[in-house]
C-alpha cells in the first residue's frame, strides 16, 4: 500500500536526524567551551595588565591591549560560528517538518483517492471492502499495525490521526 511506503520513507529519512542534531549540538558545545576558555584567558590577561600597567612602557601596553583585542575577536568568531550552526540546525529541522507536511498531504490525497475507488467498486477482488476505513480507524492501534503493517516496529512513531474510536478488540 502506498501509505505504508510514505510512512517507511519518512521514518527512514528521520533516522539520520538524531545523529545530525547530536553532531550540531556537540559542535555548538565545543564552540561554547572554546569561547568560555578565551573569556577566562581574557580575564587573566586583563588582571595582569591592570596590575602592571603603571610599570609598562607605552609600547608594551599597546601590545598587551592588542593581544586582548585579538582574544575578544576570536571569542566573537566562536560566538558567530555558534549562531550560524544553530541557524543551520533550525533550517535542517524545518526542512524535515516541511517534507513531513508534504508527505502527509500526498498520503491524505492518496487515501482519499483510494477510498473513492473502493466506494466506486467494492467488488474488486484485490481490494478488501472498505479497506480505507479499516486503515484509517486502526492505523494508530498497535494490534492493527502489527497485523497489517509488520514492517513497522512497535516503537515506530505513528504520524496518522485516527478519527474514529479503535475497535481492534473486535478483529
N, C-alpha and C. Protein backbone atom coordinates (compact mmCIF):
# COMPACT_ATOMS: atom_id res chain seq x y z
N UNK A 1 0.85 -1.16 0.00
CA UNK A 1 0.00 0.00 0.00
C UNK A 1 0.90 1.23 0.00
N UNK A 2 0.52 2.24 -0.74
CA UNK A 2 1.32 3.45 -0.89
C UNK A 2 1.50 4.19 0.43
N UNK A 3 0.50 4.11 1.29
CA UNK A 3 0.57 4.82 2.56
C UNK A 3 1.68 4.26 3.44
N UNK A 4 1.80 2.96 3.48
CA UNK A 4 2.88 2.34 4.25
C UNK A 4 4.22 2.77 3.68
N UNK A 5 4.28 2.92 2.36
CA UNK A 5 5.51 3.37 1.71
C UNK A 5 5.87 4.78 2.18
N UNK A 6 4.85 5.68 2.26
CA UNK A 6 5.11 7.03 2.76
C UNK A 6 5.68 6.99 4.17
N UNK A 7 5.06 6.19 5.01
CA UNK A 7 5.49 6.10 6.39
C UNK A 7 6.91 5.55 6.48
N UNK A 8 7.19 4.48 5.75
CA UNK A 8 8.53 3.90 5.78
C UNK A 8 9.57 4.88 5.26
N UNK A 9 9.23 5.58 4.17
CA UNK A 9 10.15 6.57 3.60
C UNK A 9 10.43 7.67 4.62
N UNK A 10 9.39 8.15 5.27
CA UNK A 10 9.56 9.22 6.24
C UNK A 10 10.38 8.75 7.44
N UNK A 11 10.07 7.58 7.94
CA UNK A 11 10.82 7.06 9.08
C UNK A 11 12.29 6.83 8.72
N UNK A 12 12.54 6.36 7.49
CA UNK A 12 13.92 6.19 7.05
C UNK A 12 14.65 7.53 7.01
N UNK A 13 13.96 8.56 6.53
CA UNK A 13 14.61 9.87 6.46
C UNK A 13 14.86 10.45 7.84
N UNK A 14 14.03 10.08 8.81
CA UNK A 14 14.22 10.58 10.18
C UNK A 14 15.37 9.90 10.91
N UNK A 15 15.78 8.74 10.43
CA UNK A 15 16.85 8.00 11.12
C UNK A 15 18.12 8.82 11.26
N UNK A 16 18.44 9.61 10.24
CA UNK A 16 19.69 10.38 10.29
C UNK A 16 19.55 11.67 11.09
N UNK A 17 18.32 12.11 11.34
CA UNK A 17 18.12 13.38 12.05
C UNK A 17 18.73 13.39 13.45
N UNK A 18 18.50 12.40 14.29
CA UNK A 18 19.11 12.48 15.63
C UNK A 18 20.64 12.57 15.58
N UNK A 19 21.26 11.86 14.66
CA UNK A 19 22.72 11.93 14.54
C UNK A 19 23.19 13.31 14.11
N UNK A 20 22.48 13.89 13.14
CA UNK A 20 22.85 15.23 12.68
C UNK A 20 22.63 16.26 13.79
N UNK A 21 21.52 16.13 14.51
CA UNK A 21 21.27 17.05 15.63
C UNK A 21 22.34 16.89 16.70
N UNK A 22 22.68 15.66 17.02
CA UNK A 22 23.70 15.40 18.04
C UNK A 22 25.04 16.01 17.62
N UNK A 23 25.39 15.84 16.36
CA UNK A 23 26.66 16.39 15.85
C UNK A 23 26.65 17.92 15.97
N UNK A 24 25.56 18.56 15.52
CA UNK A 24 25.50 20.02 15.57
C UNK A 24 25.51 20.54 17.00
N UNK A 25 24.77 19.89 17.89
CA UNK A 25 24.76 20.34 19.28
C UNK A 25 26.12 20.11 19.94
N UNK A 26 26.79 19.05 19.57
CA UNK A 26 28.12 18.79 20.10
C UNK A 26 29.10 19.87 19.61
N UNK A 27 29.00 20.24 18.33
CA UNK A 27 29.85 21.31 17.81
C UNK A 27 29.56 22.63 18.51
N UNK A 28 28.27 22.91 18.75
CA UNK A 28 27.92 24.15 19.47
C UNK A 28 28.50 24.14 20.88
N UNK A 29 28.45 23.00 21.52
CA UNK A 29 29.01 22.88 22.87
C UNK A 29 30.52 23.12 22.84
N UNK A 30 31.20 22.57 21.84
CA UNK A 30 32.65 22.78 21.71
C UNK A 30 32.97 24.25 21.48
N UNK A 31 32.20 24.90 20.59
CA UNK A 31 32.41 26.32 20.33
C UNK A 31 32.18 27.14 21.59
N UNK A 32 31.16 26.79 22.34
CA UNK A 32 30.86 27.50 23.58
C UNK A 32 32.00 27.32 24.59
N UNK A 33 32.52 26.11 24.68
CA UNK A 33 33.63 25.85 25.61
C UNK A 33 34.87 26.64 25.20
N UNK A 34 35.15 26.69 23.90
CA UNK A 34 36.31 27.47 23.43
C UNK A 34 36.13 28.95 23.75
N UNK A 35 34.92 29.46 23.56
CA UNK A 35 34.65 30.87 23.86
C UNK A 35 34.81 31.13 25.36
N UNK A 36 34.34 30.22 26.19
CA UNK A 36 34.49 30.39 27.65
C UNK A 36 35.96 30.35 28.06
N UNK A 37 36.72 29.45 27.44
CA UNK A 37 38.16 29.38 27.73
C UNK A 37 38.85 30.68 27.35
N UNK A 38 38.47 31.23 26.20
CA UNK A 38 39.06 32.51 25.78
C UNK A 38 38.67 33.63 26.74
N UNK A 39 37.43 33.64 27.20
CA UNK A 39 37.00 34.68 28.14
C UNK A 39 37.78 34.59 29.45
N UNK A 40 38.06 33.37 29.88
CA UNK A 40 38.87 33.20 31.10
C UNK A 40 40.29 33.73 30.85
N UNK A 41 40.82 33.42 29.68
CA UNK A 41 42.16 33.92 29.33
C UNK A 41 42.16 35.44 29.26
N UNK A 42 41.10 36.01 28.70
CA UNK A 42 40.98 37.48 28.63
C UNK A 42 40.95 38.07 30.04
N UNK A 43 40.18 37.45 30.93
CA UNK A 43 40.12 37.94 32.32
C UNK A 43 41.50 37.90 32.97
N UNK A 44 42.21 36.79 32.76
CA UNK A 44 43.55 36.67 33.34
C UNK A 44 44.49 37.73 32.78
N UNK A 45 44.45 37.93 31.47
CA UNK A 45 45.32 38.94 30.85
C UNK A 45 44.94 40.35 31.31
N UNK A 46 43.64 40.60 31.45
CA UNK A 46 43.21 41.93 31.90
C UNK A 46 43.68 42.19 33.32
N UNK A 47 43.59 41.18 34.18
CA UNK A 47 44.09 41.34 35.56
C UNK A 47 45.59 41.62 35.55
N UNK A 48 46.31 40.85 34.72
CA UNK A 48 47.76 41.07 34.62
C UNK A 48 48.08 42.45 34.09
N UNK A 49 47.32 42.90 33.14
CA UNK A 49 47.53 44.23 32.57
C UNK A 49 47.29 45.30 33.63
N UNK A 50 46.17 45.18 34.34
CA UNK A 50 45.83 46.20 35.34
C UNK A 50 46.83 46.24 36.49
N UNK A 51 47.38 45.09 36.82
CA UNK A 51 48.34 45.06 37.94
C UNK A 51 49.72 45.60 37.55
N UNK A 52 50.04 45.58 36.26
CA UNK A 52 51.38 46.01 35.84
C UNK A 52 51.37 47.20 34.89
N UNK A 53 50.22 47.80 34.67
CA UNK A 53 50.12 48.87 33.67
C UNK A 53 51.00 50.07 34.00
N UNK A 54 51.17 50.37 35.27
CA UNK A 54 51.95 51.55 35.65
C UNK A 54 53.45 51.37 35.39
N UNK A 55 53.88 50.13 35.36
CA UNK A 55 55.31 49.89 35.15
C UNK A 55 55.64 49.57 33.70
N UNK A 56 54.62 49.45 32.86
CA UNK A 56 54.85 49.09 31.44
C UNK A 56 55.18 50.31 30.60
N UNK A 57 55.97 50.03 29.58
CA UNK A 57 56.24 51.08 28.60
C UNK A 57 55.01 51.23 27.70
N UNK A 58 54.85 52.37 27.05
CA UNK A 58 53.69 52.57 26.17
C UNK A 58 53.61 51.51 25.06
N UNK A 59 54.77 51.10 24.57
CA UNK A 59 54.78 50.07 23.52
C UNK A 59 54.28 48.74 24.06
N UNK A 60 54.69 48.39 25.27
CA UNK A 60 54.26 47.14 25.91
C UNK A 60 52.76 47.18 26.20
N UNK A 61 52.25 48.35 26.64
CA UNK A 61 50.81 48.49 26.88
C UNK A 61 50.02 48.24 25.60
N UNK A 62 50.48 48.82 24.52
CA UNK A 62 49.80 48.67 23.23
C UNK A 62 49.79 47.21 22.81
N UNK A 63 50.91 46.54 22.97
CA UNK A 63 50.99 45.12 22.60
C UNK A 63 50.04 44.28 23.46
N UNK A 64 50.01 44.59 24.75
CA UNK A 64 49.15 43.85 25.68
C UNK A 64 47.68 44.03 25.31
N UNK A 65 47.28 45.28 25.08
CA UNK A 65 45.88 45.56 24.70
C UNK A 65 45.54 44.95 23.34
N UNK A 66 46.49 44.95 22.44
CA UNK A 66 46.27 44.33 21.13
C UNK A 66 46.03 42.83 21.26
N UNK A 67 46.79 42.19 22.15
CA UNK A 67 46.62 40.75 22.38
C UNK A 67 45.24 40.46 22.97
N UNK A 68 44.80 41.32 23.89
CA UNK A 68 43.46 41.14 24.48
C UNK A 68 42.38 41.34 23.42
N UNK A 69 42.55 42.33 22.56
CA UNK A 69 41.57 42.56 21.49
C UNK A 69 41.49 41.38 20.53
N UNK A 70 42.64 40.78 20.24
CA UNK A 70 42.64 39.60 19.36
C UNK A 70 41.87 38.45 20.00
N UNK A 71 42.03 38.28 21.31
CA UNK A 71 41.29 37.24 22.01
C UNK A 71 39.78 37.52 21.97
N UNK A 72 39.40 38.79 22.16
CA UNK A 72 37.98 39.15 22.05
C UNK A 72 37.45 38.86 20.65
N UNK A 73 38.24 39.17 19.63
CA UNK A 73 37.81 38.91 18.25
C UNK A 73 37.62 37.42 18.01
N UNK A 74 38.54 36.64 18.51
CA UNK A 74 38.44 35.18 18.35
C UNK A 74 37.20 34.65 19.08
N UNK A 75 36.95 35.18 20.27
CA UNK A 75 35.76 34.77 21.03
C UNK A 75 34.48 35.14 20.27
N UNK A 76 34.46 36.31 19.67
CA UNK A 76 33.30 36.74 18.88
C UNK A 76 33.11 35.82 17.67
N UNK A 77 34.21 35.40 17.04
CA UNK A 77 34.12 34.47 15.91
C UNK A 77 33.49 33.14 16.35
N UNK A 78 33.90 32.66 17.52
CA UNK A 78 33.29 31.42 18.03
C UNK A 78 31.79 31.61 18.26
N UNK A 79 31.42 32.76 18.81
CA UNK A 79 30.00 33.05 19.01
C UNK A 79 29.24 33.12 17.70
N UNK A 80 29.84 33.78 16.70
CA UNK A 80 29.20 33.87 15.39
C UNK A 80 29.04 32.49 14.76
N UNK A 81 30.09 31.67 14.88
CA UNK A 81 30.01 30.30 14.35
C UNK A 81 28.91 29.51 15.03
N UNK A 82 28.78 29.71 16.33
CA UNK A 82 27.74 29.01 17.09
C UNK A 82 26.35 29.44 16.62
N UNK A 83 26.16 30.73 16.40
CA UNK A 83 24.87 31.23 15.90
C UNK A 83 24.58 30.65 14.52
N UNK A 84 25.58 30.62 13.64
CA UNK A 84 25.39 30.04 12.30
C UNK A 84 25.01 28.57 12.39
N UNK A 85 25.67 27.85 13.25
CA UNK A 85 25.37 26.43 13.42
C UNK A 85 23.96 26.23 13.96
N UNK A 86 23.55 27.08 14.89
CA UNK A 86 22.18 26.99 15.42
C UNK A 86 21.17 27.28 14.32
N UNK A 87 21.45 28.26 13.47
CA UNK A 87 20.55 28.57 12.35
C UNK A 87 20.48 27.40 11.37
N UNK A 88 21.62 26.79 11.06
CA UNK A 88 21.64 25.64 10.17
C UNK A 88 20.84 24.48 10.76
N UNK A 89 20.96 24.28 12.06
CA UNK A 89 20.22 23.21 12.72
C UNK A 89 18.72 23.49 12.64
N UNK A 90 18.33 24.72 12.88
CA UNK A 90 16.92 25.10 12.79
C UNK A 90 16.40 24.85 11.37
N UNK A 91 17.17 25.29 10.37
CA UNK A 91 16.75 25.11 8.98
C UNK A 91 16.66 23.63 8.61
N UNK A 92 17.57 22.81 9.14
CA UNK A 92 17.53 21.38 8.86
C UNK A 92 16.25 20.77 9.43
N UNK A 93 15.93 21.09 10.67
CA UNK A 93 14.70 20.56 11.28
C UNK A 93 13.48 21.09 10.53
N UNK A 94 13.53 22.35 10.13
CA UNK A 94 12.42 22.93 9.37
C UNK A 94 12.22 22.20 8.04
N UNK A 95 13.31 21.83 7.37
CA UNK A 95 13.19 21.07 6.11
C UNK A 95 12.52 19.72 6.36
N UNK A 96 12.87 19.05 7.45
CA UNK A 96 12.23 17.78 7.79
C UNK A 96 10.74 17.98 8.04
N UNK A 97 10.40 19.05 8.74
CA UNK A 97 8.98 19.32 9.01
C UNK A 97 8.24 19.62 7.72
N UNK A 98 8.84 20.41 6.84
CA UNK A 98 8.19 20.71 5.56
C UNK A 98 8.02 19.45 4.73
N UNK A 99 9.03 18.59 4.71
CA UNK A 99 8.92 17.33 3.97
C UNK A 99 7.81 16.47 4.56
N UNK A 100 7.75 16.44 5.89
CA UNK A 100 6.70 15.68 6.57
C UNK A 100 5.32 16.22 6.17
N UNK A 101 5.16 17.54 6.18
CA UNK A 101 3.87 18.13 5.80
C UNK A 101 3.49 17.79 4.36
N UNK A 102 4.48 17.83 3.45
CA UNK A 102 4.19 17.48 2.05
C UNK A 102 3.81 16.01 1.93
N UNK A 103 4.55 15.14 2.63
CA UNK A 103 4.25 13.71 2.57
C UNK A 103 2.88 13.40 3.15
N UNK A 104 2.52 14.06 4.23
CA UNK A 104 1.19 13.86 4.83
C UNK A 104 0.11 14.30 3.85
N UNK A 105 0.31 15.44 3.21
CA UNK A 105 -0.69 15.92 2.24
C UNK A 105 -0.82 14.93 1.09
N UNK A 106 0.31 14.42 0.58
CA UNK A 106 0.25 13.43 -0.51
C UNK A 106 -0.43 12.15 -0.05
N UNK A 107 -0.10 11.71 1.16
CA UNK A 107 -0.68 10.49 1.67
C UNK A 107 -2.19 10.64 1.85
N UNK A 108 -2.62 11.78 2.39
CA UNK A 108 -4.06 12.00 2.57
C UNK A 108 -4.78 12.01 1.23
N UNK A 109 -4.15 12.63 0.22
CA UNK A 109 -4.76 12.64 -1.12
C UNK A 109 -4.84 11.22 -1.67
N UNK A 110 -3.78 10.43 -1.48
CA UNK A 110 -3.81 9.04 -1.94
C UNK A 110 -4.88 8.24 -1.22
N UNK A 111 -5.02 8.46 0.09
CA UNK A 111 -6.04 7.74 0.84
C UNK A 111 -7.44 8.11 0.37
N UNK A 112 -7.65 9.39 0.08
CA UNK A 112 -8.96 9.82 -0.42
C UNK A 112 -9.23 9.20 -1.78
N UNK A 113 -8.21 9.19 -2.65
CA UNK A 113 -8.37 8.54 -3.96
C UNK A 113 -8.68 7.07 -3.79
N UNK A 114 -7.97 6.43 -2.86
CA UNK A 114 -8.18 5.01 -2.63
C UNK A 114 -9.58 4.76 -2.08
N UNK A 115 -10.02 5.63 -1.17
CA UNK A 115 -11.36 5.47 -0.59
C UNK A 115 -12.43 5.64 -1.66
N UNK A 116 -12.23 6.60 -2.54
CA UNK A 116 -13.24 6.80 -3.59
C UNK A 116 -13.22 5.63 -4.56
N UNK A 117 -12.06 5.05 -4.83
CA UNK A 117 -12.02 3.89 -5.73
C UNK A 117 -12.66 2.68 -5.06
N UNK A 118 -12.54 2.57 -3.72
CA UNK A 118 -13.19 1.46 -3.01
C UNK A 118 -14.70 1.61 -3.04
N UNK A 119 -15.17 2.83 -2.86
CA UNK A 119 -16.61 3.02 -2.83
C UNK A 119 -17.22 2.92 -4.22
N UNK A 120 -16.44 3.24 -5.27
CA UNK A 120 -16.95 3.11 -6.63
C UNK A 120 -17.13 1.65 -7.02
N UNK A 121 -16.20 0.84 -6.61
CA UNK A 121 -16.27 -0.58 -6.99
C UNK A 121 -15.82 -1.42 -5.81
N UNK A 122 -16.73 -1.74 -4.90
CA UNK A 122 -16.37 -2.50 -3.72
C UNK A 122 -16.27 -3.99 -3.99
N UNK A 123 -16.51 -4.40 -5.21
CA UNK A 123 -16.44 -5.82 -5.53
C UNK A 123 -15.11 -6.21 -6.17
N UNK A 124 -14.13 -5.32 -6.12
CA UNK A 124 -12.82 -5.66 -6.69
C UNK A 124 -12.25 -6.84 -5.92
N UNK A 125 -11.66 -7.78 -6.64
CA UNK A 125 -11.11 -8.97 -5.98
C UNK A 125 -9.87 -8.64 -5.16
N UNK A 126 -9.06 -7.72 -5.65
CA UNK A 126 -7.80 -7.44 -4.98
C UNK A 126 -7.89 -6.33 -3.93
N UNK A 127 -9.07 -5.75 -3.73
CA UNK A 127 -9.23 -4.69 -2.75
C UNK A 127 -10.29 -5.10 -1.74
N UNK A 128 -9.92 -5.33 -0.48
CA UNK A 128 -10.91 -5.69 0.52
C UNK A 128 -11.92 -4.56 0.71
N UNK A 129 -13.15 -4.94 1.04
CA UNK A 129 -14.23 -3.98 1.23
C UNK A 129 -13.86 -3.01 2.35
N UNK A 130 -14.03 -1.75 2.08
CA UNK A 130 -13.74 -0.63 2.99
C UNK A 130 -12.38 -0.74 3.70
N UNK A 131 -11.37 -1.08 2.94
CA UNK A 131 -10.01 -1.15 3.49
C UNK A 131 -9.57 0.23 3.98
N UNK A 132 -9.95 1.25 3.25
CA UNK A 132 -9.58 2.61 3.67
C UNK A 132 -10.11 2.88 5.07
N UNK A 133 -11.36 2.53 5.32
CA UNK A 133 -11.94 2.77 6.65
C UNK A 133 -11.20 1.97 7.70
N UNK A 134 -10.90 0.71 7.40
CA UNK A 134 -10.14 -0.10 8.35
C UNK A 134 -8.78 0.54 8.61
N UNK A 135 -8.13 0.96 7.53
CA UNK A 135 -6.81 1.55 7.65
C UNK A 135 -6.88 2.81 8.51
N UNK A 136 -7.83 3.66 8.23
CA UNK A 136 -7.95 4.93 8.93
C UNK A 136 -8.29 4.72 10.39
N UNK A 137 -9.19 3.80 10.68
CA UNK A 137 -9.62 3.55 12.05
C UNK A 137 -8.52 2.89 12.87
N UNK A 138 -7.82 1.95 12.29
CA UNK A 138 -6.93 1.11 13.07
C UNK A 138 -5.45 1.45 12.97
N UNK A 139 -5.08 2.45 12.19
CA UNK A 139 -3.66 2.71 11.97
C UNK A 139 -2.94 3.04 13.27
N UNK A 140 -3.59 3.73 14.18
CA UNK A 140 -2.90 4.09 15.42
C UNK A 140 -2.92 2.97 16.45
N UNK A 141 -3.55 1.88 16.14
CA UNK A 141 -3.63 0.78 17.09
C UNK A 141 -2.48 -0.20 16.87
N UNK A 142 -1.79 -0.55 17.92
CA UNK A 142 -0.63 -1.43 17.82
C UNK A 142 -1.02 -2.80 17.26
N UNK A 143 -2.16 -3.33 17.68
CA UNK A 143 -2.59 -4.65 17.20
C UNK A 143 -2.79 -4.60 15.69
N UNK A 144 -3.46 -3.54 15.22
CA UNK A 144 -3.71 -3.43 13.78
C UNK A 144 -2.40 -3.27 13.02
N UNK A 145 -1.49 -2.44 13.55
CA UNK A 145 -0.22 -2.22 12.87
C UNK A 145 0.57 -3.51 12.76
N UNK A 146 0.65 -4.27 13.84
CA UNK A 146 1.46 -5.48 13.79
C UNK A 146 0.81 -6.54 12.90
N UNK A 147 -0.50 -6.52 12.80
CA UNK A 147 -1.19 -7.49 11.97
C UNK A 147 -1.13 -7.10 10.49
N UNK A 148 -1.24 -5.79 10.21
CA UNK A 148 -1.34 -5.35 8.82
C UNK A 148 -0.11 -4.64 8.29
N UNK A 149 0.75 -4.15 9.15
CA UNK A 149 1.97 -3.47 8.72
C UNK A 149 3.15 -4.05 9.49
N UNK A 150 3.49 -5.31 9.25
CA UNK A 150 4.53 -5.95 10.07
C UNK A 150 5.91 -5.33 9.90
N UNK A 151 6.12 -4.53 8.85
CA UNK A 151 7.45 -3.94 8.67
C UNK A 151 7.71 -2.82 9.67
N UNK A 152 6.67 -2.33 10.35
CA UNK A 152 6.86 -1.27 11.32
C UNK A 152 7.10 -1.88 12.69
N UNK A 153 8.04 -1.32 13.41
CA UNK A 153 8.27 -1.82 14.76
C UNK A 153 7.23 -1.22 15.70
N UNK A 154 7.08 -1.84 16.86
CA UNK A 154 6.12 -1.32 17.84
C UNK A 154 6.54 0.05 18.36
N UNK A 155 7.83 0.34 18.28
CA UNK A 155 8.30 1.62 18.80
C UNK A 155 8.27 2.71 17.75
N UNK A 156 7.94 2.38 16.51
CA UNK A 156 7.91 3.39 15.46
C UNK A 156 6.78 4.37 15.74
N UNK A 157 7.08 5.68 15.66
CA UNK A 157 6.02 6.64 15.91
C UNK A 157 4.98 6.60 14.80
N UNK A 158 3.73 6.77 15.16
CA UNK A 158 2.65 6.79 14.19
C UNK A 158 2.27 8.24 13.97
N UNK A 159 2.31 8.67 12.72
CA UNK A 159 2.05 10.06 12.41
C UNK A 159 0.66 10.28 11.84
N UNK A 160 -0.20 9.27 11.87
CA UNK A 160 -1.50 9.39 11.26
C UNK A 160 -2.57 9.49 12.33
N UNK A 161 -3.45 10.49 12.24
CA UNK A 161 -4.50 10.60 13.24
C UNK A 161 -5.59 9.56 12.99
N UNK A 162 -6.22 9.15 14.02
CA UNK A 162 -7.35 8.24 13.90
C UNK A 162 -8.59 9.02 14.26
N UNK A 163 -9.51 9.16 13.31
CA UNK A 163 -10.70 9.97 13.55
C UNK A 163 -11.79 9.20 14.28
N UNK A 164 -11.69 7.89 14.30
CA UNK A 164 -12.74 7.07 14.89
C UNK A 164 -12.18 6.27 16.05
N UNK A 165 -13.02 5.86 16.98
CA UNK A 165 -12.51 5.03 18.07
C UNK A 165 -12.03 3.69 17.54
N UNK A 166 -10.96 3.20 18.12
CA UNK A 166 -10.39 1.94 17.69
C UNK A 166 -11.25 0.78 18.17
N UNK A 167 -11.48 -0.17 17.29
CA UNK A 167 -12.29 -1.34 17.66
C UNK A 167 -11.50 -2.61 17.39
N UNK A 168 -10.19 -2.56 17.66
CA UNK A 168 -9.33 -3.69 17.35
C UNK A 168 -9.68 -4.93 18.16
N UNK A 169 -10.29 -4.76 19.31
CA UNK A 169 -10.65 -5.94 20.10
C UNK A 169 -11.65 -6.81 19.35
N UNK A 170 -12.30 -6.22 18.33
CA UNK A 170 -13.27 -6.97 17.53
C UNK A 170 -12.64 -7.64 16.32
N UNK A 171 -11.34 -7.44 16.09
CA UNK A 171 -10.70 -8.04 14.91
C UNK A 171 -10.51 -9.52 15.08
